[in-house]
Amino acid sequence: MQLNGYPDFDPATLTGRSHAEYDDSSDVQSMVRANLIAERVAIESYRQMIEKIGDTDPTTRQMLVGIMAVEEQHADDMRDFLS
């Protein structure tokens, strides 16, 4: 709202706005694998945002780097679960 936009909370359009594909796996290993893929998609999205921001907004860049680090830890956890 502060950026003159309107949040879209409509669940019907969620999959169209998502960076990752929906996966309705029913076994745990497939769920973990799907989660790992989603984490990697998120990491790539944050990497692209960081690259685009460059040095123009160091505060936002630092925040995104921190979020990406958490996503990388999540991906490592998922990878470890598959081992």
Protein backbone atom coordinates (compact mmCIF):
# COMPACT_ATOMS: atom_id res chain seq x y z
CA MET A 1 0.00 0.00 0.00
CA GLN A 2 2.87 2.36 0.81
CA LEU A 3 4.28 1.75 -2.66
CA ASN A 4 0.91 2.62 -4.26
CA GLY A 5 0.04 -1.00 -4.93
CA TYR A 6 -2.62 -3.34 -3.72
CA PRO A 7 -1.86 -6.74 -2.14
CA ASP A 8 -3.40 -9.71 -3.91
CA PHE A 9 -4.53 -12.25 -1.33
CA ASP A 10 -6.77 -14.17 -3.73
CA PRO A 11 -5.91 -17.89 -3.39
CA ALA A 12 -7.31 -18.53 -6.89
CA THR A 13 -4.48 -16.53 -8.47
CA LEU A 14 -1.71 -17.71 -6.16
CA THR A 15 -0.26 -20.38 -8.44
CA GLY A 16 -0.09 -17.91 -11.34
CA ARG A 17 1.91 -15.48 -9.20
CA SER A 18 4.17 -18.09 -7.65
CA HIS A 19 7.81 -18.50 -8.62
CA ALA A 20 7.62 -22.25 -7.99
CA GLU A 21 5.21 -24.81 -9.36
CA TYR A 22 2.63 -26.49 -7.15
CA ASP A 23 3.39 -30.12 -6.39
CA ASP A 24 0.77 -32.38 -4.84
CA SER A 25 3.09 -35.26 -3.97
CA SER A 26 1.76 -37.70 -1.43
CA ASP A 27 4.93 -39.45 -0.24
CA VAL A 28 7.41 -37.77 2.07
CA GLN A 29 10.48 -38.16 -0.15
CA SER A 30 8.69 -36.56 -3.10
CA MET A 31 7.47 -33.74 -0.86
CA VAL A 32 11.00 -33.06 0.37
CA ARG A 33 12.32 -33.14 -3.21
CA ALA A 34 9.60 -30.67 -4.30
CA ASN A 35 10.46 -28.45 -1.34
CA LEU A 36 14.14 -28.54 -2.31
CA ILE A 37 13.26 -27.44 -5.83
CA ALA A 38 11.09 -24.62 -4.45
CA GLU A 39 13.94 -23.49 -2.17
CA ARG A 40 16.33 -23.40 -5.13
CA VAL A 41 13.82 -21.36 -7.14
CA ALA A 42 13.54 -18.92 -4.23
CA ILE A 43 17.33 -18.66 -3.95
CA GLU A 44 17.58 -17.86 -7.66
CA SER A 45 14.84 -15.23 -7.33
CA TYR A 46 16.65 -13.53 -4.47
CA ARG A 47 19.95 -13.73 -6.36
CA GLN A 48 18.36 -11.96 -9.32
CA MET A 49 16.88 -9.27 -7.07
CA ILE A 50 20.25 -8.70 -5.41
CA GLU A 51 21.94 -8.48 -8.79
CA LYS A 52 19.36 -5.99 -10.07
CA ILE A 53 19.61 -3.79 -6.97
CA GLY A 54 23.40 -3.77 -7.13
CA ASP A 55 24.82 -1.00 -4.96
CA THR A 56 21.86 1.37 -5.39
CA ASP A 57 20.08 0.32 -2.18
CA PRO A 58 22.50 -1.22 0.35
CA THR A 59 19.82 -1.67 3.04
CA THR A 60 17.49 -3.68 0.82
CA ARG A 61 20.44 -5.58 -0.61
CA GLN A 62 21.59 -6.57 2.88
CA MET A 63 18.07 -7.66 3.82
CA LEU A 64 17.79 -9.82 0.67
CA VAL A 65 21.21 -11.37 1.27
CA GLY A 66 20.05 -12.36 4.76
CA ILE A 67 16.82 -13.86 3.46
CA MET A 68 18.72 -15.72 0.74
CA ALA A 69 21.08 -17.15 3.37
CA VAL A 70 18.08 -18.55 5.27
CA GLU A 71 16.71 -20.05 2.04
CA GLU A 72 20.10 -21.63 1.37
CA GLN A 73 20.02 -23.19 4.83
CA HIS A 74 16.54 -24.54 4.11
CA ALA A 75 17.79 -26.04 0.83
CA ASP A 76 20.73 -27.64 2.67
CA ASP A 77 18.29 -29.13 5.19
CA MET A 78 16.09 -30.56 2.43
CA ARG A 79 19.14 -31.99 0.63
CA ASP A 80 20.29 -33.60 3.90
CA PHE A 81 16.82 -35.15 4.40
CA LEU A 82 17.15 -36.80 0.99
CA SER A 83 20.56 -38.29 1.84
